[in-house]
C-alpha atoms as a PDB file:
ATOM      1  CA  MET A   1      93.206 123.208  95.246  1.00  0.00           C
ATOM      2  CA  PRO A   2      91.323 125.650  92.976  1.00  0.00           C
ATOM      3  CA  ARG A   3      92.549 129.202  92.584  1.00  0.00           C
ATOM      4  CA  LYS A   4      90.535 131.938  94.295  1.00  0.00           C
ATOM      5  CA  SER A   5      89.572 133.421  90.924  1.00  0.00           C
ATOM      6  CA  GLN A   6      88.339 129.982  89.817  1.00  0.00           C
ATOM      7  CA  ILE A   7      86.145 129.716  92.923  1.00  0.00           C
ATOM      8  CA  ASP A   8      84.794 133.224  92.317  1.00  0.00           C
ATOM      9  CA  ASP A   9      84.075 132.393  88.669  1.00  0.00           C
ATOM     10  CA  ASP A  10      82.198 129.226  89.680  1.00  0.00           C
ATOM     11  CA  ALA A  11      80.193 131.074  92.332  1.00  0.00           C
ATOM     12  CA  GLU A  12      79.297 133.810  89.855  1.00  0.00           C
ATOM     13  CA  ASP A  13      78.327 131.223  87.260  1.00  0.00           C
ATOM     14  CA  ILE A  14      76.111 129.334  89.709  1.00  0.00           C
ATOM     15  CA  THR A  15      74.250 132.460  90.807  1.00  0.00           C
ATOM     16  CA  ILE A  16      73.436 133.680  87.332  1.00  0.00           C
ATOM     17  CA  TRP A  17      72.063 130.406  85.920  1.00  0.00           C
ATOM     18  CA  THR A  18      68.382 130.438  86.774  1.00  0.00           C
ATOM     19  CA  PRO A  19      66.048 127.489  86.197  1.00  0.00           C
ATOM     20  CA  VAL A  20      64.485 129.453  83.328  1.00  0.00           C
ATOM     21  CA  SER A  21      67.801 130.141  81.584  1.00  0.00           C
ATOM     22  CA  THR A  22      68.950 126.545  82.185  1.00  0.00           C
ATOM     23  CA  CYS A  23      65.723 125.243  80.646  1.00  0.00           C
ATOM     24  CA  ALA A  24      66.136 127.628  77.702  1.00  0.00           C
ATOM     25  CA  LEU A  25      69.697 126.395  77.145  1.00  0.00           C
ATOM     26  CA  LEU A  26      68.507 122.787  77.285  1.00  0.00           C
ATOM     27  CA  GLY A  27      65.832 123.607  74.694  1.00  0.00           C
ATOM     28  CA  PHE A  28      68.396 125.196  72.364  1.00  0.00           C
ATOM     29  CA  LEU A  29      70.727 122.226  72.855  1.00  0.00           C
ATOM     30  CA  ASP A  30      67.848 119.854  72.075  1.00  0.00           C
ATOM     31  CA  ASP A  31      67.088 121.733  68.853  1.00  0.00           C
ATOM     32  CA  TYR A  32      70.788 121.752  67.967  1.00  0.00           C
ATOM     33  CA  VAL A  33      71.147 117.999  68.480  1.00  0.00           C
ATOM     34  CA  LYS A  34      68.076 117.342  66.317  1.00  0.00           C
ATOM     35  CA  LYS A  35      69.371 119.593  63.516  1.00  0.00           C
ATOM     36  CA  THR A  36      72.906 118.181  63.560  1.00  0.00           C
ATOM     37  CA  GLN A  37      71.881 114.552  64.165  1.00  0.00           C
ATOM     38  CA  GLY A  38      73.624 114.257  67.493  1.00  0.00           C
ATOM     39  CA  ALA A  39      76.772 116.335  66.960  1.00  0.00           C
ATOM     40  CA  ASN A  40      78.349 117.966  69.992  1.00  0.00           C
ATOM     41  CA  PRO A  41      78.296 121.780  69.910  1.00  0.00           C
ATOM     42  CA  ILE A  42      81.487 123.758  69.402  1.00  0.00           C
ATOM     43  CA  MET A  43      82.375 127.312  70.474  1.00  0.00           C
ATOM     44  CA  ARG A  44      80.646 129.071  67.566  1.00  0.00           C
ATOM     45  CA  ASP A  45      77.458 127.125  68.393  1.00  0.00           C
ATOM     46  CA  PHE A  46      77.674 128.337  71.990  1.00  0.00           C
ATOM     47  CA  LYS A  47      77.983 131.917  70.695  1.00  0.00           C
ATOM     48  CA  VAL A  48      74.752 131.500  68.715  1.00  0.00           C
ATOM     49  CA  MET A  49      73.052 130.025  71.786  1.00  0.00           C
ATOM     50  CA  SER A  50      74.269 133.037  73.767  1.00  0.00           C
ATOM     51  CA  GLU A  51      72.303 135.333  71.478  1.00  0.00           C
ATOM     52  CA  ASN A  52      69.264 133.043  71.581  1.00  0.00           C
ATOM     53  CA  ILE A  53      69.248 132.989  75.388  1.00  0.00           C
ATOM     54  CA  LEU A  54      69.604 136.780  75.451  1.00  0.00           C
ATOM     55  CA  GLY A  55      66.539 137.062  73.226  1.00  0.00           C
ATOM     56  CA  THR A  56      64.550 134.578  75.300  1.00  0.00           C
ATOM     57  CA  CYS A  57      65.602 135.221  78.919  1.00  0.00           C
ATOM     58  CA  TYR A  58      67.060 138.734  78.665  1.00  0.00           C
ATOM     59  CA  LYS A  59      70.271 137.504  80.286  1.00  0.00           C
ATOM     60  CA  ARG A  60      73.645 137.699  78.617  1.00  0.00           C
ATOM     61  CA  TYR A  61      75.918 134.699  78.883  1.00  0.00           C
ATOM     62  CA  VAL A  62      79.245 134.508  77.109  1.00  0.00           C
ATOM     63  CA  ALA A  63      80.048 131.402  75.056  1.00  0.00           C
ATOM     64  CA  THR A  64      82.507 130.072  77.655  1.00  0.00           C
ATOM     65  CA  GLN A  65      79.796 130.225  80.344  1.00  0.00           C
ATOM     66  CA  ILE A  66      77.416 128.294  78.106  1.00  0.00           C
ATOM     67  CA  LYS A  67      80.091 125.744  77.270  1.00  0.00           C
ATOM     68  CA  SER A  68      80.853 125.305  80.969  1.00  0.00           C
ATOM     69  CA  LYS A  69      77.160 124.929  81.821  1.00  0.00           C
ATOM     70  CA  TYR A  70      76.763 122.388  78.984  1.00  0.00           C
ATOM     71  CA  HIS A  71      79.564 120.240  80.404  1.00  0.00           C
ATOM     72  CA  ARG A  72      78.163 120.436  83.951  1.00  0.00           C
ATOM     73  CA  MET A  73      74.718 119.449  82.667  1.00  0.00           C
ATOM     74  CA  ARG A  74      76.289 116.491  80.864  1.00  0.00           C
ATOM     75  CA  VAL A  75      77.965 115.328  84.084  1.00  0.00           C
ATOM     76  CA  VAL A  76      74.658 115.619  85.981  1.00  0.00           C
ATOM     77  CA  TYR A  77      72.918 113.559  83.292  1.00  0.00           C
ATOM     78  CA  ALA A  78      75.632 110.889  83.460  1.00  0.00           C
ATOM     79  CA  LYS A  79      75.271 110.656  87.259  1.00  0.00           C
ATOM     80  CA  PHE A  80      71.497 110.401  86.969  1.00  0.00           C
ATOM     81  CA  LYS A  81      71.693 107.758  84.259  1.00  0.00           C
ATOM     82  CA  LYS A  82      74.120 105.718  86.356  1.00  0.00           C
ATOM     83  CA  LEU A  83      71.680 105.989  89.259  1.00  0.00           C
ATOM     84  CA  ILE A  84      68.620 104.809  87.347  1.00  0.00           C
ATOM     85  CA  ASN A  85      70.588 101.985  85.711  1.00  0.00           C
ATOM     86  CA  HIS A  86      71.696 100.671  89.110  1.00  0.00           C
ATOM     87  CA  THR A  87      70.137  97.249  89.622  1.00  0.00           C
ATOM     88  CA  SER A  88      68.719  98.044  93.075  1.00  0.00           C
ATOM     89  CA  PHE A  89      66.658 100.990  91.857  1.00  0.00           C
ATOM     90  CA  SER A  90      63.267 101.119  90.219  1.00  0.00           C
ATOM     91  CA  TRP A  91      61.415 104.081  88.763  1.00  0.00           C
ATOM     92  CA  ASP A  92      58.395 106.001  90.021  1.00  0.00           C
ATOM     93  CA  PHE A  93      56.752 107.207  86.814  1.00  0.00           C
ATOM     94  CA  ASP A  94      54.262 109.460  88.632  1.00  0.00           C
ATOM     95  CA  ASN A  95      56.978 111.517  90.347  1.00  0.00           C
ATOM     96  CA  ASN A  96      59.852 110.867  87.892  1.00  0.00           C
ATOM     97  CA  THR A  97      62.105 109.786  90.728  1.00  0.00           C
ATOM     98  CA  PRO A  98      64.141 106.670  91.515  1.00  0.00           C
ATOM     99  CA  THR A  99      62.873 104.375  94.244  1.00  0.00           C
ATOM    100  CA  CYS A 100      64.659 101.821  96.406  1.00  0.00           C
ATOM    101  CA  PRO A 101      64.889 100.692 100.026  1.00  0.00           C
ATOM    102  CA  ASN A 102      66.313 103.346 102.378  1.00  0.00           C
ATOM    103  CA  ASP A 103      69.430 101.298 103.205  1.00  0.00           C
ATOM    104  CA  VAL A 104      70.254 100.927  99.497  1.00  0.00           C
ATOM    105  CA  TRP A 105      69.760 104.670  98.975  1.00  0.00           C
ATOM    106  CA  SER A 106      71.977 105.466 101.959  1.00  0.00           C
ATOM    107  CA  ASP A 107      74.773 103.180 100.736  1.00  0.00           C
ATOM    108  CA  TYR A 108      74.536 104.534  97.190  1.00  0.00           C
ATOM    109  CA  CYS A 109      74.663 108.140  98.424  1.00  0.00           C
ATOM    110  CA  LYS A 110      77.750 107.400 100.520  1.00  0.00           C
ATOM    111  CA  ALA A 111      79.532 106.234  97.383  1.00  0.00           C
ATOM    112  CA  ASN A 112      77.969 108.960  95.166  1.00  0.00           C
ATOM    113  CA  PRO A 113      77.226 112.005  97.375  1.00  0.00           C
ATOM    114  CA  ARG A 114      76.053 114.281  94.570  1.00  0.00           C
ATOM    115  CA  VAL A 115      72.999 112.169  93.751  1.00  0.00           C
ATOM    116  CA  LYS A 116      71.076 112.960  96.956  1.00  0.00           C
ATOM    117  CA  LYS A 117      69.135 115.688  95.168  1.00  0.00           C
ATOM    118  CA  PHE A 118      67.575 113.137  92.813  1.00  0.00           C
ATOM    119  CA  LYS A 119      65.677 111.250  95.525  1.00  0.00           C
ATOM    120  CA  TYR A 120      62.715 113.634  95.557  1.00  0.00           C
ATOM    121  CA  VAL A 121      62.984 115.621  92.320  1.00  0.00           C
ATOM    122  CA  GLY A 122      64.564 113.298  89.761  1.00  0.00           C
ATOM    123  CA  LEU A 123      66.114 115.015  86.758  1.00  0.00           C
ATOM    124  CA  PRO A 124      63.953 117.835  85.376  1.00  0.00           C
ATOM    125  CA  ASP A 125      63.287 117.522  81.639  1.00  0.00           C
ATOM    126  CA  TYR A 126      64.750 114.014  81.584  1.00  0.00           C
ATOM    127  CA  ASP A 127      63.664 113.324  77.988  1.00  0.00           C
ATOM    128  CA  MET A 128      65.385 116.448  76.656  1.00  0.00           C
ATOM    129  CA  ASN A 129      68.504 115.689  78.696  1.00  0.00           C
ATOM    130  CA  LYS A 130      68.518 112.172  77.296  1.00  0.00           C
ATOM    131  CA  ASN A 131      68.194 113.451  73.746  1.00  0.00           C
ATOM    132  CA  VAL A 132      71.010 115.971  74.209  1.00  0.00           C
ATOM    133  CA  PHE A 133      73.510 113.940  76.220  1.00  0.00           C
ATOM    134  CA  GLU A 134      72.870 110.262  75.477  1.00  0.00           C
ATOM    135  CA  LYS A 135      75.212 110.085  72.487  1.00  0.00           C
ATOM    136  CA  SER A 136      77.974 112.042  74.220  1.00  0.00           C
ATOM    137  CA  ASN A 137      78.273 109.714  77.232  1.00  0.00           C
ATOM    138  CA  ALA A 138      80.190 106.491  76.775  1.00  0.00           C
ATOM    139  CA  THR A 139      78.668 103.363  78.267  1.00  0.00           C
ATOM    140  CA  GLY A 140      79.233  99.658  78.030  1.00  0.00           C
ATOM    141  CA  GLY A 141      82.049  97.274  78.676  1.00  0.00           C
ATOM    142  CA  LEU A 142      84.814  99.358  77.074  1.00  0.00           C
ATOM    143  CA  ALA A 143      83.756 102.743  78.487  1.00  0.00           C
ATOM    144  CA  TYR A 144      85.993 104.590  80.932  1.00  0.00           C
ATOM    145  CA  THR A 145      86.054 108.127  82.242  1.00  0.00           C
ATOM    146  CA  SER A 146      88.820 110.601  81.578  1.00  0.00           C
ATOM    147  CA  ALA A 147      89.825 110.293  85.242  1.00  0.00           C
ATOM    148  CA  ASN A 148      90.546 106.563  84.855  1.00  0.00           C
ATOM    149  CA  GLN A 149      93.367 104.956  82.972  1.00  0.00           C
ATOM    150  CA  PRO A 150      92.217 102.874  80.014  1.00  0.00           C
ATOM    151  CA  CYS A 151      92.783  99.119  80.033  1.00  0.00           C
ATOM    152  CA  ASP A 152      96.015  97.745  78.678  1.00  0.00           C
ATOM    153  CA  ILE A 153      95.749  95.985  75.313  1.00  0.00           C
ATOM    154  CA  ASP A 154      95.453  92.479  76.822  1.00  0.00           C
ATOM    155  CA  GLU A 155      92.637  93.488  79.178  1.00  0.00           C
ATOM    156  CA  GLU A 156      90.865  95.338  76.380  1.00  0.00           C
ATOM    157  CA  GLU A 157      91.075  92.300  74.083  1.00  0.00           C
ATOM    158  CA  ASP A 158      89.667  90.048  76.841  1.00  0.00           C
ATOM    159  CA  ILE A 159      86.786  92.439  77.491  1.00  0.00           C
ATOM    160  CA  GLU A 160      86.073  92.805  73.786  1.00  0.00           C
ATOM    161  CA  GLU A 161      86.144  89.027  73.321  1.00  0.00           C
ATOM    162  CA  ARG A 162      83.633  88.527  76.155  1.00  0.00           C
ATOM    163  CA  LEU A 163      81.372  91.253  74.761  1.00  0.00           C
ATOM    164  CA  LEU A 164      81.442  89.885  71.221  1.00  0.00           C
ATOM    165  CA  ASN A 165      81.285  86.197  72.153  1.00  0.00           C
ATOM    166  CA  PRO A 166      79.525  85.782  75.481  1.00  0.00           C
ATOM    167  CA  ASP A 167      78.872  82.085  74.887  1.00  0.00           C
ATOM    168  CA  ILE A 168      82.555  81.172  74.393  1.00  0.00           C
ATOM    169  CA  LEU A 169      84.444  79.968  77.436  1.00  0.00           C
ATOM    170  CA  PRO A 170      87.396  82.169  78.411  1.00  0.00           C
ATOM    171  CA  SER A 171      89.876  79.303  78.907  1.00  0.00           C
ATOM    172  CA  ASP A 172      90.209  75.627  79.797  1.00  0.00           C
ATOM    173  CA  ALA A 173      91.000  76.596  83.398  1.00  0.00           C
ATOM    174  CA  ASP A 174      87.585  78.233  83.759  1.00  0.00           C
ATOM    175  CA  GLU A 175      85.694  75.369  82.089  1.00  0.00           C
ATOM    176  CA  GLU A 176      84.785  73.743  85.399  1.00  0.00           C
ATOM    177  CA  ALA A 177      83.408  77.014  86.791  1.00  0.00           C
ATOM    178  CA  PHE A 178      81.189  77.409  83.746  1.00  0.00           C
ATOM    179  CA  SER A 179      80.049  73.764  83.582  1.00  0.00           C
ATOM    180  CA  ASP A 180      77.178  74.324  86.035  1.00  0.00           C
ATOM    181  CA  TYR A 181      76.050  77.323  84.005  1.00  0.00           C
ATOM    182  CA  ILE A 182      75.874  75.348  80.774  1.00  0.00           C
ATOM    183  CA  GLY A 183      74.556  72.160  82.304  1.00  0.00           C
ATOM    184  CA  GLY A 184      77.780  70.183  82.468  1.00  0.00           C
ATOM    185  CA  GLN A 185      78.075  69.974  78.698  1.00  0.00           C
ATOM    186  CA  HIS A 186      79.460  72.445  76.245  1.00  0.00           C
ATOM    187  CA  SER A 187      79.369  72.629  72.523  1.00  0.00           C
ATOM    188  CA  GLY A 188      83.113  72.643  72.063  1.00  0.00           C
ATOM    189  CA  ASN A 189      83.152  76.420  71.561  1.00  0.00           C
ATOM    190  CA  LYS A 190      86.074  77.352  73.678  1.00  0.00           C
ATOM    191  CA  ARG A 191      89.086  79.517  73.167  1.00  0.00           C
ATOM    192  CA  ALA A 192      92.399  77.711  72.976  1.00  0.00           C
END
């Protein structure tokens, strides 16, 4: 359970970040990523952004607030990207929102309650978010979040083998299951 001071800090942080200051921060992060070729900002970079936001929005944010906002924005982008990459969703380019049948949306929102806001508004400034956060979010077969335990070495090797050699059969035991997929014949490329 969070400490009372932590709750107060979060509430204060939420109330002071306006859409204008959030957009300004995203613009500064976008410029930073372009200048540093995708590097993640560190504390001294957040201090510089603090001064830039003060000059642009006339609001003072300390570096730790900017760092915290950066990490929350990254999490929001990751949730949105996961949503639009879901196989049951398509994209409405006119409204910049995901589309799907209502039952699919309902099921997805039950499993991911914080994505409800994206149904009608999408992710504002998606292209800038993508530019800023795409390289900092792990994806693919070997990706895992910090909340999950990584695979053990045997599982990781199996996953890596399947990713690198998708046409190689995993084992003799699975050959029959794959025979329909490859037409009942295989080229002899199988792992011993």
